[in-house]
PDB file of all heavy atoms in Angstrom:
ATOM      1  N   SER A   1     -72.050 -89.853 -92.938  1.00  0.00           N
ATOM      2  CA  SER A   1     -71.211 -91.051 -92.943  1.00  0.00           C
ATOM      3  C   SER A   1     -70.515 -91.259 -94.283  1.00  0.00           C
ATOM      4  O   SER A   1     -70.947 -90.774 -95.320  1.00  0.00           O
ATOM      5  CB  SER A   1     -72.059 -92.294 -92.631  1.00  0.00           C
ATOM      6  OG  SER A   1     -73.038 -92.478 -93.643  1.00  0.00           O
ATOM      7  N   ILE A   2     -69.395 -92.006 -94.214  1.00  0.00           N
ATOM      8  CA  ILE A   2     -68.692 -92.491 -95.405  1.00  0.00           C
ATOM      9  C   ILE A   2     -68.530 -93.994 -95.223  1.00  0.00           C
ATOM     10  O   ILE A   2     -68.140 -94.457 -94.147  1.00  0.00           O
ATOM     11  CB  ILE A   2     -67.293 -91.862 -95.569  1.00  0.00           C
ATOM     12  CG1 ILE A   2     -67.341 -90.347 -95.370  1.00  0.00           C
ATOM     13  CG2 ILE A   2     -66.728 -92.194 -96.951  1.00  0.00           C
ATOM     14  CD1 ILE A   2     -65.966 -89.704 -95.256  1.00  0.00           C
ATOM     15  N   ARG A   3     -68.826 -94.749 -96.257  1.00  0.00           N
ATOM     16  CA  ARG A   3     -68.720 -96.219 -96.204  1.00  0.00           C
ATOM     17  C   ARG A   3     -67.612 -96.702 -97.126  1.00  0.00           C
ATOM     18  O   ARG A   3     -67.485 -96.248 -98.267  1.00  0.00           O
ATOM     19  CB  ARG A   3     -70.022 -96.868 -96.675  1.00  0.00           C
ATOM     20  CG  ARG A   3     -71.170 -96.839 -95.711  1.00  0.00           C
ATOM     21  CD  ARG A   3     -72.327 -97.662 -96.271  1.00  0.00           C
ATOM     22  NE  ARG A   3     -71.955 -99.063 -96.406  1.00  0.00           N
ATOM     23  CZ  ARG A   3     -72.684 -99.973 -97.063  1.00  0.00           C
ATOM     24  NH1 ARG A   3     -73.800 -99.634 -97.672  1.00  0.00           N
ATOM     25  NH2 ARG A   3     -72.288-101.224 -97.116  1.00  0.00           N
ATOM     26  N   TYR A   4     -66.840 -97.672 -96.626  1.00  0.00           N
ATOM     27  CA  TYR A   4     -65.799 -98.316 -97.426  1.00  0.00           C
ATOM     28  C   TYR A   4     -65.894 -99.825 -97.220  1.00  0.00           C
ATOM     29  O   TYR A   4     -66.253-100.300 -96.139  1.00  0.00           O
ATOM     30  CB  TYR A   4     -64.402 -97.891 -96.970  1.00  0.00           C
ATOM     31  CG  TYR A   4     -64.154 -96.414 -96.914  1.00  0.00           C
ATOM     32  CD1 TYR A   4     -64.436 -95.692 -95.758  1.00  0.00           C
ATOM     33  CD2 TYR A   4     -63.594 -95.734 -98.004  1.00  0.00           C
ATOM     34  CE1 TYR A   4     -64.174 -94.329 -95.684  1.00  0.00           C
ATOM     35  CE2 TYR A   4     -63.339 -94.374 -97.931  1.00  0.00           C
ATOM     36  CZ  TYR A   4     -63.634 -93.668 -96.771  1.00  0.00           C
ATOM     37  OH  TYR A   4     -63.381 -92.322 -96.695  1.00  0.00           O
ATOM     38  N   ASP A   5     -65.522-100.564 -98.250  1.00  0.00           N
ATOM     39  CA  ASP A   5     -65.309-102.009 -98.121  1.00  0.00           C
ATOM     40  C   ASP A   5     -63.807-102.278 -98.151  1.00  0.00           C
ATOM     41  O   ASP A   5     -63.036-101.505 -98.740  1.00  0.00           O
ATOM     42  CB  ASP A   5     -65.963-102.771 -99.287  1.00  0.00           C
ATOM     43  CG  ASP A   5     -67.476-102.906 -99.119  1.00  0.00           C
ATOM     44  OD1 ASP A   5     -67.977-102.578 -98.019  1.00  0.00           O
ATOM     45  OD2 ASP A   5     -68.143-103.314-100.085  1.00  0.00           O
ATOM     46  N   ALA A   6     -63.421-103.386 -97.561  1.00  0.00           N
ATOM     47  CA  ALA A   6     -62.014-103.783 -97.624  1.00  0.00           C
ATOM     48  C   ALA A   6     -61.619-104.055 -99.073  1.00  0.00           C
ATOM     49  O   ALA A   6     -62.408-104.598 -99.847  1.00  0.00           O
ATOM     50  CB  ALA A   6     -61.798-105.032 -96.789  1.00  0.00           C
ATOM     51  N   ASN A   7     -60.394-103.690 -99.432  1.00  0.00           N
ATOM     52  CA  ASN A   7     -59.849-104.019-100.743  1.00  0.00           C
ATOM     53  C   ASN A   7     -59.263-105.428-100.652  1.00  0.00           C
ATOM     54  O   ASN A   7     -58.165-105.629-100.131  1.00  0.00           O
ATOM     55  CB  ASN A   7     -58.768-103.009-101.136  1.00  0.00           C
ATOM     56  CG  ASN A   7     -58.135-103.305-102.483  1.00  0.00           C
ATOM     57  OD1 ASN A   7     -58.547-104.230-103.184  1.00  0.00           O
ATOM     58  ND2 ASN A   7     -57.132-102.521-102.845  1.00  0.00           N
ATOM     59  N   LYS A   8     -60.010-106.392-101.149  1.00  0.00           N
ATOM     60  CA  LYS A   8     -59.589-107.796-101.037  1.00  0.00           C
ATOM     61  C   LYS A   8     -58.374-108.109-101.918  1.00  0.00           C
ATOM     62  O   LYS A   8     -57.749-109.156-101.766  1.00  0.00           O
ATOM     63  CB  LYS A   8     -60.751-108.725-101.420  1.00  0.00           C
ATOM     64  CG  LYS A   8     -62.001-108.553-100.559  1.00  0.00           C
ATOM     65  CD  LYS A   8     -61.749-108.909 -99.111  1.00  0.00           C
ATOM     66  CE  LYS A   8     -63.035-108.850 -98.280  1.00  0.00           C
ATOM     67  NZ  LYS A   8     -62.785-109.015 -96.840  1.00  0.00           N
ATOM     68  N   GLU A   9     -58.068-107.200-102.856  1.00  0.00           N
ATOM     69  CA  GLU A   9     -56.914-107.409-103.743  1.00  0.00           C
ATOM     70  C   GLU A   9     -55.749-106.499-103.365  1.00  0.00           C
ATOM     71  O   GLU A   9     -54.856-106.261-104.183  1.00  0.00           O
ATOM     72  CB  GLU A   9     -57.315-107.134-105.199  1.00  0.00           C
ATOM     73  CG  GLU A   9     -58.367-108.086-105.739  1.00  0.00           C
ATOM     74  CD  GLU A   9     -58.662-107.836-107.215  1.00  0.00           C
ATOM     75  OE1 GLU A   9     -58.997-106.693-107.570  1.00  0.00           O
ATOM     76  OE2 GLU A   9     -58.522-108.783-107.997  1.00  0.00           O
ATOM     77  N   TYR A  10     -55.746-105.998-102.129  1.00  0.00           N
ATOM     78  CA  TYR A  10     -54.709-105.048-101.737  1.00  0.00           C
ATOM     79  C   TYR A  10     -53.329-105.671-101.847  1.00  0.00           C
ATOM     80  O   TYR A  10     -53.101-106.809-101.426  1.00  0.00           O
ATOM     81  CB  TYR A  10     -54.958-104.557-100.315  1.00  0.00           C
ATOM     82  CG  TYR A  10     -54.127-103.349 -99.925  1.00  0.00           C
ATOM     83  CD1 TYR A  10     -53.979-102.274-100.798  1.00  0.00           C
ATOM     84  CD2 TYR A  10     -53.496-103.284 -98.682  1.00  0.00           C
ATOM     85  CE1 TYR A  10     -53.231-101.154-100.451  1.00  0.00           C
ATOM     86  CE2 TYR A  10     -52.743-102.170 -98.322  1.00  0.00           C
ATOM     87  CZ  TYR A  10     -52.609-101.110 -99.207  1.00  0.00           C
ATOM     88  OH  TYR A  10     -51.859-100.012 -98.859  1.00  0.00           O
ATOM     89  N   TRP A  11     -52.389-104.897-102.404  1.00  0.00           N
ATOM     90  CA  TRP A  11     -51.048-105.421-102.686  1.00  0.00           C
ATOM     91  C   TRP A  11     -50.222-105.665-101.437  1.00  0.00           C
ATOM     92  O   TRP A  11     -49.265-106.432-101.477  1.00  0.00           O
ATOM     93  CB  TRP A  11     -50.318-104.490-103.656  1.00  0.00           C
ATOM     94  CG  TRP A  11     -50.221-103.056-103.198  1.00  0.00           C
ATOM     95  CD1 TRP A  11     -51.138-102.068-103.415  1.00  0.00           C
ATOM     96  CD2 TRP A  11     -49.161-102.458-102.465  1.00  0.00           C
ATOM     97  NE1 TRP A  11     -50.716-100.888-102.848  1.00  0.00           N
ATOM     98  CE2 TRP A  11     -49.499-101.092-102.267  1.00  0.00           C
ATOM     99  CE3 TRP A  11     -47.939-102.935-101.957  1.00  0.00           C
ATOM    100  CZ2 TRP A  11     -48.676-100.208-101.578  1.00  0.00           C
ATOM    101  CZ3 TRP A  11     -47.119-102.044-101.271  1.00  0.00           C
ATOM    102  CH2 TRP A  11     -47.487-100.705-101.089  1.00  0.00           C
ATOM    103  N   LYS A  12     -50.547-105.011-100.315  1.00  0.00           N
ATOM    104  CA  LYS A  12     -49.852-105.293 -99.047  1.00  0.00           C
ATOM    105  C   LYS A  12     -50.606-106.424 -98.358  1.00  0.00           C
ATOM    106  O   LYS A  12     -51.568-106.195 -97.633  1.00  0.00           O
ATOM    107  CB  LYS A  12     -49.832-104.059 -98.140  1.00  0.00           C
ATOM    108  CG  LYS A  12     -48.943-102.934 -98.596  1.00  0.00           C
ATOM    109  CD  LYS A  12     -48.893-101.851 -97.506  1.00  0.00           C
ATOM    110  CE  LYS A  12     -48.171-100.620 -97.989  1.00  0.00           C
ATOM    111  NZ  LYS A  12     -48.182 -99.546 -96.966  1.00  0.00           N
ATOM    112  N   LYS A  13     -50.180-107.630 -98.596  1.00  0.00           N
ATOM    113  CA  LYS A  13     -50.883-108.809 -98.094  1.00  0.00           C
ATOM    114  C   LYS A  13     -50.973-108.784 -96.559  1.00  0.00           C
ATOM    115  O   LYS A  13     -49.990-108.527 -95.875  1.00  0.00           O
ATOM    116  CB  LYS A  13     -50.191-110.103 -98.540  1.00  0.00           C
ATOM    117  CG  LYS A  13     -50.075-110.266-100.043  1.00  0.00           C
ATOM    118  CD  LYS A  13     -51.436-110.253-100.729  1.00  0.00           C
ATOM    119  CE  LYS A  13     -51.316-110.370-102.240  1.00  0.00           C
ATOM    120  NZ  LYS A  13     -52.586-110.084-102.931  1.00  0.00           N
ATOM    121  N   GLY A  14     -52.162-109.053 -96.050  1.00  0.00           N
ATOM    122  CA  GLY A  14     -52.355-109.133 -94.607  1.00  0.00           C
ATOM    123  C   GLY A  14     -52.549-107.800 -93.915  1.00  0.00           C
ATOM    124  O   GLY A  14     -52.761-107.754 -92.699  1.00  0.00           O
ATOM    125  N   GLU A  15     -52.481-106.690 -94.676  1.00  0.00           N
ATOM    126  CA  GLU A  15     -52.589-105.370 -94.054  1.00  0.00           C
ATOM    127  C   GLU A  15     -54.031-104.921 -93.836  1.00  0.00           C
ATOM    128  O   GLU A  15     -54.285-104.026 -93.041  1.00  0.00           O
ATOM    129  CB  GLU A  15     -51.865-104.321 -94.902  1.00  0.00           C
ATOM    130  CG  GLU A  15     -50.368-104.344 -94.748  1.00  0.00           C
ATOM    131  CD  GLU A  15     -49.920-103.794 -93.406  1.00  0.00           C
ATOM    132  OE1 GLU A  15     -49.913-102.573 -93.222  1.00  0.00           O
ATOM    133  OE2 GLU A  15     -49.593-104.609 -92.522  1.00  0.00           O
ATOM    134  N   VAL A  16     -54.968-105.501 -94.564  1.00  0.00           N
ATOM    135  CA  VAL A  16     -56.376-105.127 -94.383  1.00  0.00           C
ATOM    136  C   VAL A  16     -57.030-106.183 -93.501  1.00  0.00           C
ATOM    137  O   VAL A  16     -57.254-107.313 -93.929  1.00  0.00           O
ATOM    138  CB  VAL A  16     -57.106-105.004 -95.741  1.00  0.00           C
ATOM    139  CG1 VAL A  16     -58.541-104.530 -95.518  1.00  0.00           C
ATOM    140  CG2 VAL A  16     -56.372-104.035 -96.651  1.00  0.00           C
ATOM    141  N   LYS A  17     -57.323-105.803 -92.269  1.00  0.00           N
ATOM    142  CA  LYS A  17     -57.828-106.755 -91.279  1.00  0.00           C
ATOM    143  C   LYS A  17     -59.311-106.555 -90.978  1.00  0.00           C
ATOM    144  O   LYS A  17     -59.860-107.184 -90.080  1.00  0.00           O
ATOM    145  CB  LYS A  17     -57.011-106.620 -89.993  1.00  0.00           C
ATOM    146  CG  LYS A  17     -55.513-106.855 -90.192  1.00  0.00           C
ATOM    147  CD  LYS A  17     -54.725-106.638 -88.921  1.00  0.00           C
ATOM    148  CE  LYS A  17     -53.221-106.734 -89.168  1.00  0.00           C
ATOM    149  NZ  LYS A  17     -52.764-108.043 -89.608  1.00  0.00           N
ATOM    150  N   LEU A  18     -59.950-105.655 -91.713  1.00  0.00           N
ATOM    151  CA  LEU A  18     -61.362-105.342 -91.524  1.00  0.00           C
ATOM    152  C   LEU A  18     -62.151-105.742 -92.767  1.00  0.00           C
ATOM    153  O   LEU A  18     -61.592-105.836 -93.851  1.00  0.00           O
ATOM    154  CB  LEU A  18     -61.549-103.844 -91.277  1.00  0.00           C
ATOM    155  CG  LEU A  18     -60.787-103.237 -90.090  1.00  0.00           C
ATOM    156  CD1 LEU A  18     -60.808-101.720 -90.172  1.00  0.00           C
ATOM    157  CD2 LEU A  18     -61.382-103.720 -88.774  1.00  0.00           C
ATOM    158  N   ASP A  19     -63.456-105.958 -92.603  1.00  0.00           N
ATOM    159  CA  ASP A  19     -64.333-106.166 -93.755  1.00  0.00           C
ATOM    160  C   ASP A  19     -64.900-104.843 -94.248  1.00  0.00           C
ATOM    161  O   ASP A  19     -65.065-104.634 -95.441  1.00  0.00           O
ATOM    162  CB  ASP A  19     -65.488-107.108 -93.391  1.00  0.00           C
ATOM    163  CG  ASP A  19     -64.997-108.504 -93.049  1.00  0.00           C
ATOM    164  OD1 ASP A  19     -64.134-109.009 -93.787  1.00  0.00           O
ATOM    165  OD2 ASP A  19     -65.450-109.073 -92.044  1.00  0.00           O
ATOM    166  N   LYS A  20     -65.196-103.979 -93.281  1.00  0.00           N
ATOM    167  CA  LYS A  20     -65.774-102.685 -93.621  1.00  0.00           C
ATOM    168  C   LYS A  20     -65.206-101.609 -92.712  1.00  0.00           C
ATOM    169  O   LYS A  20     -64.842-101.877 -91.569  1.00  0.00           O
ATOM    170  CB  LYS A  20     -67.307-102.714 -93.489  1.00  0.00           C
ATOM    171  CG  LYS A  20     -67.983-103.641 -94.494  1.00  0.00           C
ATOM    172  CD  LYS A  20     -69.492-103.638 -94.352  1.00  0.00           C
ATOM    173  CE  LYS A  20     -70.124-104.644 -95.314  1.00  0.00           C
ATOM    174  NZ  LYS A  20     -69.925-104.278 -96.722  1.00  0.00           N
ATOM    175  N   LEU A  21     -65.154-100.392 -93.252  1.00  0.00           N
ATOM    176  CA  LEU A  21     -64.737 -99.219 -92.496  1.00  0.00           C
ATOM    177  C   LEU A  21     -65.804 -98.158 -92.690  1.00  0.00           C
ATOM    178  O   LEU A  21     -66.257 -97.923 -93.809  1.00  0.00           O
ATOM    179  CB  LEU A  21     -63.383 -98.710 -93.022  1.00  0.00           C
ATOM    180  CG  LEU A  21     -62.875 -97.384 -92.469  1.00  0.00           C
ATOM    181  CD1 LEU A  21     -62.574 -97.489 -90.969  1.00  0.00           C
ATOM    182  CD2 LEU A  21     -61.624 -96.929 -93.226  1.00  0.00           C
ATOM    183  N   ILE A  22     -66.221 -97.548 -91.596  1.00  0.00           N
ATOM    184  CA  ILE A  22     -67.247 -96.505 -91.649  1.00  0.00           C
ATOM    185  C   ILE A  22     -66.744 -95.271 -90.911  1.00  0.00           C
ATOM    186  O   ILE A  22     -66.263 -95.376 -89.780  1.00  0.00           O
ATOM    187  CB  ILE A  22     -68.574 -96.977 -91.014  1.00  0.00           C
ATOM    188  CG1 ILE A  22     -69.115 -98.217 -91.741  1.00  0.00           C
ATOM    189  CG2 ILE A  22     -69.610 -95.860 -91.004  1.00  0.00           C
ATOM    190  CD1 ILE A  22     -70.175 -98.971 -90.967  1.00  0.00           C
ATOM    191  N   PHE A  23     -66.830 -94.122 -91.556  1.00  0.00           N
ATOM    192  CA  PHE A  23     -66.599 -92.846 -90.891  1.00  0.00           C
ATOM    193  C   PHE A  23     -67.972 -92.319 -90.464  1.00  0.00           C
ATOM    194  O   PHE A  23     -68.811 -92.034 -91.326  1.00  0.00           O
ATOM    195  CB  PHE A  23     -65.956 -91.828 -91.836  1.00  0.00           C
ATOM    196  CG  PHE A  23     -64.475 -91.985 -92.035  1.00  0.00           C
ATOM    197  CD1 PHE A  23     -63.879 -93.238 -92.089  1.00  0.00           C
ATOM    198  CD2 PHE A  23     -63.673 -90.878 -92.205  1.00  0.00           C
ATOM    199  CE1 PHE A  23     -62.515 -93.380 -92.291  1.00  0.00           C
ATOM    200  CE2 PHE A  23     -62.307 -90.987 -92.415  1.00  0.00           C
ATOM    201  CZ  PHE A  23     -61.718 -92.248 -92.450  1.00  0.00           C
ATOM    202  N   ALA A  24     -68.204 -92.194 -89.167  1.00  0.00           N
ATOM    203  CA  ALA A  24     -69.432 -91.583 -88.662  1.00  0.00           C
ATOM    204  C   ALA A  24     -69.086 -90.131 -88.328  1.00  0.00           C
ATOM    205  O   ALA A  24     -68.401 -89.856 -87.346  1.00  0.00           O
ATOM    206  CB  ALA A  24     -69.920 -92.319 -87.432  1.00  0.00           C
ATOM    207  N   ILE A  25     -69.520 -89.221 -89.169  1.00  0.00           N
ATOM    208  CA  ILE A  25     -69.129 -87.811 -89.046  1.00  0.00           C
ATOM    209  C   ILE A  25     -69.905 -87.172 -87.896  1.00  0.00           C
ATOM    210  O   ILE A  25     -71.131 -87.068 -87.941  1.00  0.00           O
ATOM    211  CB  ILE A  25     -69.360 -87.076 -90.374  1.00  0.00           C
ATOM    212  CG1 ILE A  25     -68.526 -87.740 -91.487  1.00  0.00           C
ATOM    213  CG2 ILE A  25     -69.007 -85.593 -90.255  1.00  0.00           C
ATOM    214  CD1 ILE A  25     -68.986 -87.428 -92.888  1.00  0.00           C
ATOM    215  N   THR A  26     -69.165 -86.778 -86.860  1.00  0.00           N
ATOM    216  CA  THR A  26     -69.764 -86.297 -85.611  1.00  0.00           C
ATOM    217  C   THR A  26     -68.976 -85.071 -85.162  1.00  0.00           C
ATOM    218  O   THR A  26     -67.888 -85.199 -84.589  1.00  0.00           O
ATOM    219  CB  THR A  26     -69.701 -87.395 -84.534  1.00  0.00           C
ATOM    220  OG1 THR A  26     -70.155 -88.639 -85.094  1.00  0.00           O
ATOM    221  CG2 THR A  26     -70.537 -87.039 -83.319  1.00  0.00           C
ATOM    222  N   THR A  27     -69.509 -83.892 -85.404  1.00  0.00           N
ATOM    223  CA  THR A  27     -68.732 -82.670 -85.196  1.00  0.00           C
ATOM    224  C   THR A  27     -68.527 -82.309 -83.728  1.00  0.00           C
ATOM    225  O   THR A  27     -67.529 -81.681 -83.381  1.00  0.00           O
ATOM    226  CB  THR A  27     -69.396 -81.481 -85.916  1.00  0.00           C
ATOM    227  OG1 THR A  27     -70.752 -81.378 -85.471  1.00  0.00           O
ATOM    228  CG2 THR A  27     -69.384 -81.687 -87.419  1.00  0.00           C
ATOM    229  N   ASP A  28     -69.439 -82.716 -82.864  1.00  0.00           N
ATOM    230  CA  ASP A  28     -69.362 -82.351 -81.444  1.00  0.00           C
ATOM    231  C   ASP A  28     -68.495 -83.358 -80.687  1.00  0.00           C
ATOM    232  O   ASP A  28     -68.825 -84.546 -80.637  1.00  0.00           O
ATOM    233  CB  ASP A  28     -70.777 -82.319 -80.857  1.00  0.00           C
ATOM    234  CG  ASP A  28     -70.820 -81.791 -79.427  1.00  0.00           C
ATOM    235  OD1 ASP A  28     -69.847 -82.011 -78.671  1.00  0.00           O
ATOM    236  OD2 ASP A  28     -71.843 -81.186 -79.055  1.00  0.00           O
ATOM    237  N   PRO A  29     -67.376 -82.911 -80.066  1.00  0.00           N
ATOM    238  CA  PRO A  29     -66.488 -83.868 -79.382  1.00  0.00           C
ATOM    239  C   PRO A  29     -67.145 -84.593 -78.207  1.00  0.00           C
ATOM    240  O   PRO A  29     -66.826 -85.742 -77.931  1.00  0.00           O
ATOM    241  CB  PRO A  29     -65.316 -83.002 -78.898  1.00  0.00           C
ATOM    242  CG  PRO A  29     -65.828 -81.601 -78.908  1.00  0.00           C
ATOM    243  CD  PRO A  29     -66.870 -81.535 -79.985  1.00  0.00           C
ATOM    244  N   SER A  30     -68.098 -83.940 -77.535  1.00  0.00           N
ATOM    245  CA  SER A  30     -68.772 -84.611 -76.417  1.00  0.00           C
ATOM    246  C   SER A  30     -69.699 -85.718 -76.925  1.00  0.00           C
ATOM    247  O   SER A  30     -69.846 -86.764 -76.292  1.00  0.00           O
ATOM    248  CB  SER A  30     -69.554 -83.607 -75.561  1.00  0.00           C
ATOM    249  OG  SER A  30     -70.500 -82.923 -76.340  1.00  0.00           O
ATOM    250  N   VAL A  31     -70.289 -85.514 -78.118  1.00  0.00           N
ATOM    251  CA  VAL A  31     -71.131 -86.555 -78.725  1.00  0.00           C
ATOM    252  C   VAL A  31     -70.258 -87.718 -79.200  1.00  0.00           C
ATOM    253  O   VAL A  31     -70.622 -88.892 -79.052  1.00  0.00           O
ATOM    254  CB  VAL A  31     -71.983 -85.978 -79.881  1.00  0.00           C
ATOM    255  CG1 VAL A  31     -72.781 -87.093 -80.566  1.00  0.00           C
ATOM    256  CG2 VAL A  31     -72.922 -84.900 -79.361  1.00  0.00           C
ATOM    257  N   ARG A  32     -69.085 -87.390 -79.740  1.00  0.00           N
ATOM    258  CA  ARG A  32     -68.166 -88.459 -80.145  1.00  0.00           C
ATOM    259  C   ARG A  32     -67.818 -89.335 -78.938  1.00  0.00           C
ATOM    260  O   ARG A  32     -67.784 -90.562 -79.026  1.00  0.00           O
ATOM    261  CB  ARG A  32     -66.882 -87.856 -80.748  1.00  0.00           C
ATOM    262  CG  ARG A  32     -67.084 -87.142 -82.057  1.00  0.00           C
ATOM    263  CD  ARG A  32     -65.784 -86.940 -82.812  1.00  0.00           C
ATOM    264  NE  ARG A  32     -64.844 -86.045 -82.192  1.00  0.00           N
ATOM    265  CZ  ARG A  32     -64.796 -84.734 -82.358  1.00  0.00           C
ATOM    266  NH1 ARG A  32     -65.697 -84.142 -83.130  1.00  0.00           N
ATOM    267  NH2 ARG A  32     -63.875 -83.991 -81.770  1.00  0.00           N
ATOM    268  N   TYR A  33     -67.563 -88.672 -77.825  1.00  0.00           N
ATOM    269  CA  TYR A  33     -67.225 -89.403 -76.596  1.00  0.00           C
ATOM    270  C   TYR A  33     -68.381 -90.293 -76.145  1.00  0.00           C
ATOM    271  O   TYR A  33     -68.183 -91.450 -75.764  1.00  0.00           O
ATOM    272  CB  TYR A  33     -66.835 -88.399 -75.512  1.00  0.00           C
ATOM    273  CG  TYR A  33     -66.486 -88.993 -74.170  1.00  0.00           C
ATOM    274  CD1 TYR A  33     -65.956 -90.282 -74.041  1.00  0.00           C
ATOM    275  CD2 TYR A  33     -66.681 -88.257 -73.004  1.00  0.00           C
ATOM    276  CE1 TYR A  33     -65.632 -90.802 -72.795  1.00  0.00           C
ATOM    277  CE2 TYR A  33     -66.350 -88.770 -71.761  1.00  0.00           C
ATOM    278  CZ  TYR A  33     -65.842 -90.047 -71.657  1.00  0.00           C
ATOM    279  OH  TYR A  33     -65.520 -90.570 -70.429  1.00  0.00           O
ATOM    280  N   GLN A  34     -69.598 -89.780 -76.209  1.00  0.00           N
ATOM    281  CA  GLN A  34     -70.763 -90.587 -75.806  1.00  0.00           C
ATOM    282  C   GLN A  34     -70.904 -91.817 -76.708  1.00  0.00           C
ATOM    283  O   GLN A  34     -71.204 -92.913 -76.237  1.00  0.00           O
ATOM    284  CB  GLN A  34     -72.050 -89.734 -75.871  1.00  0.00           C
ATOM    285  CG  GLN A  34     -72.119 -88.624 -74.822  1.00  0.00           C
ATOM    286  CD  GLN A  34     -71.938 -89.141 -73.399  1.00  0.00           C
ATOM    287  OE1 GLN A  34     -72.508 -90.161 -73.009  1.00  0.00           O
ATOM    288  NE2 GLN A  34     -71.099 -88.459 -72.621  1.00  0.00           N
ATOM    289  N   LYS A  35     -70.655 -91.635 -78.002  1.00  0.00           N
ATOM    290  CA  LYS A  35     -70.742 -92.765 -78.944  1.00  0.00           C
ATOM    291  C   LYS A  35     -69.645 -93.790 -78.662  1.00  0.00           C
ATOM    292  O   LYS A  35     -69.876 -94.999 -78.739  1.00  0.00           O
ATOM    293  CB  LYS A  35     -70.643 -92.266 -80.389  1.00  0.00           C
ATOM    294  CG  LYS A  35     -71.881 -91.509 -80.859  1.00  0.00           C
ATOM    295  CD  LYS A  35     -71.718 -91.068 -82.309  1.00  0.00           C
ATOM    296  CE  LYS A  35     -72.989 -90.396 -82.807  1.00  0.00           C
ATOM    297  NZ  LYS A  35     -72.890 -89.971 -84.209  1.00  0.00           N
ATOM    298  N   LEU A  36     -68.462 -93.298 -78.338  1.00  0.00           N
ATOM    299  CA  LEU A  36     -67.358 -94.199 -78.008  1.00  0.00           C
ATOM    300  C   LEU A  36     -67.698 -95.015 -76.759  1.00  0.00           C
ATOM    301  O   LEU A  36     -67.500 -96.228 -76.720  1.00  0.00           O
ATOM    302  CB  LEU A  36     -66.075 -93.390 -77.795  1.00  0.00           C
ATOM    303  CG  LEU A  36     -64.797 -94.196 -77.568  1.00  0.00           C
ATOM    304  CD1 LEU A  36     -64.370 -94.905 -78.852  1.00  0.00           C
ATOM    305  CD2 LEU A  36     -63.667 -93.303 -77.078  1.00  0.00           C
ATOM    306  N   LYS A  37     -68.200 -94.345 -75.734  1.00  0.00           N
ATOM    307  CA  LYS A  37     -68.573 -95.035 -74.486  1.00  0.00           C
ATOM    308  C   LYS A  37     -69.645 -96.087 -74.727  1.00  0.00           C
ATOM    309  O   LYS A  37     -69.622 -97.163 -74.123  1.00  0.00           O
ATOM    310  CB  LYS A  37     -69.096 -94.023 -73.456  1.00  0.00           C
ATOM    311  CG  LYS A  37     -68.024 -93.285 -72.705  1.00  0.00           C
ATOM    312  CD  LYS A  37     -68.505 -92.735 -71.373  1.00  0.00           C
ATOM    313  CE  LYS A  37     -69.554 -91.678 -71.514  1.00  0.00           C
ATOM    314  NZ  LYS A  37     -69.857 -91.034 -70.209  1.00  0.00           N
ATOM    315  N   ALA A  38     -70.594 -95.772 -75.613  1.00  0.00           N
ATOM    316  CA  ALA A  38     -71.717 -96.681 -75.877  1.00  0.00           C
ATOM    317  C   ALA A  38     -71.347 -97.819 -76.819  1.00  0.00           C
ATOM    318  O   ALA A  38     -72.175 -98.694 -77.091  1.00  0.00           O
ATOM    319  CB  ALA A  38     -72.888 -95.882 -76.460  1.00  0.00           C
ATOM    320  N   GLY A  39     -70.124 -97.815 -77.328  1.00  0.00           N
ATOM    321  CA  GLY A  39     -69.722 -98.856 -78.269  1.00  0.00           C
ATOM    322  C   GLY A  39     -70.241 -98.605 -79.671  1.00  0.00           C
ATOM    323  O   GLY A  39     -70.224 -99.500 -80.509  1.00  0.00           O
ATOM    324  N   GLU A  40     -70.716 -97.398 -79.933  1.00  0.00           N
ATOM    325  CA  GLU A  40     -71.219 -97.071 -81.271  1.00  0.00           C
ATOM    326  C   GLU A  40     -70.079 -96.756 -82.231  1.00  0.00           C
ATOM    327  O   GLU A  40     -70.260 -96.707 -83.436  1.00  0.00           O
ATOM    328  CB  GLU A  40     -72.184 -95.890 -81.200  1.00  0.00           C
ATOM    329  CG  GLU A  40     -73.439 -96.208 -80.414  1.00  0.00           C
ATOM    330  CD  GLU A  40     -74.387 -95.028 -80.348  1.00  0.00           C
ATOM    331  OE1 GLU A  40     -74.122 -94.018 -81.038  1.00  0.00           O
ATOM    332  OE2 GLU A  40     -75.372 -95.109 -79.604  1.00  0.00           O
ATOM    333  N   CYS A  41     -68.909 -96.448 -81.672  1.00  0.00           N
ATOM    334  CA  CYS A  41     -67.723 -96.337 -82.503  1.00  0.00           C
ATOM    335  C   CYS A  41     -66.544 -96.883 -81.725  1.00  0.00           C
ATOM    336  O   CYS A  41     -66.592 -96.982 -80.493  1.00  0.00           O
ATOM    337  CB  CYS A  41     -67.492 -94.917 -82.993  1.00  0.00           C
ATOM    338  SG  CYS A  41     -67.397 -93.643 -81.749  1.00  0.00           S
ATOM    339  N   GLN A  42     -65.503 -97.242 -82.444  1.00  0.00           N
ATOM    340  CA  GLN A  42     -64.341 -97.877 -81.817  1.00  0.00           C
ATOM    341  C   GLN A  42     -63.176 -96.913 -81.623  1.00  0.00           C
ATOM    342  O   GLN A  42     -62.319 -97.127 -80.775  1.00  0.00           O
ATOM    343  CB  GLN A  42     -63.864 -99.076 -82.653  1.00  0.00           C
ATOM    344  CG  GLN A  42     -64.775-100.283 -82.531  1.00  0.00           C
ATOM    345  CD  GLN A  42     -66.148-100.010 -83.087  1.00  0.00           C
ATOM    346  OE1 GLN A  42     -66.311 -99.647 -84.251  1.00  0.00           O
ATOM    347  NE2 GLN A  42     -67.159-100.161 -82.249  1.00  0.00           N
ATOM    348  N   ILE A  43     -63.112 -95.859 -82.446  1.00  0.00           N
ATOM    349  CA  ILE A  43     -62.046 -94.856 -82.345  1.00  0.00           C
ATOM    350  C   ILE A  43     -62.679 -93.484 -82.565  1.00  0.00           C
ATOM    351  O   ILE A  43     -63.601 -93.354 -83.376  1.00  0.00           O
ATOM    352  CB  ILE A  43     -60.932 -95.080 -83.397  1.00  0.00           C
ATOM    353  CG1 ILE A  43     -60.366 -96.507 -83.311  1.00  0.00           C
ATOM    354  CG2 ILE A  43     -59.809 -94.070 -83.221  1.00  0.00           C
ATOM    355  CD1 ILE A  43     -59.279 -96.802 -84.322  1.00  0.00           C
TER     356      ILE A  43
END
């Protein structure tokens, strides 16, 4: 995984609509699909 926090001082006002962003590194496409179906990831 990779963890990020929103940049609260971002110069493009209103462009950051999340509090946190997480990359869940999942190499198998069928596992990615299962996680998406289960609501474990959004994209």
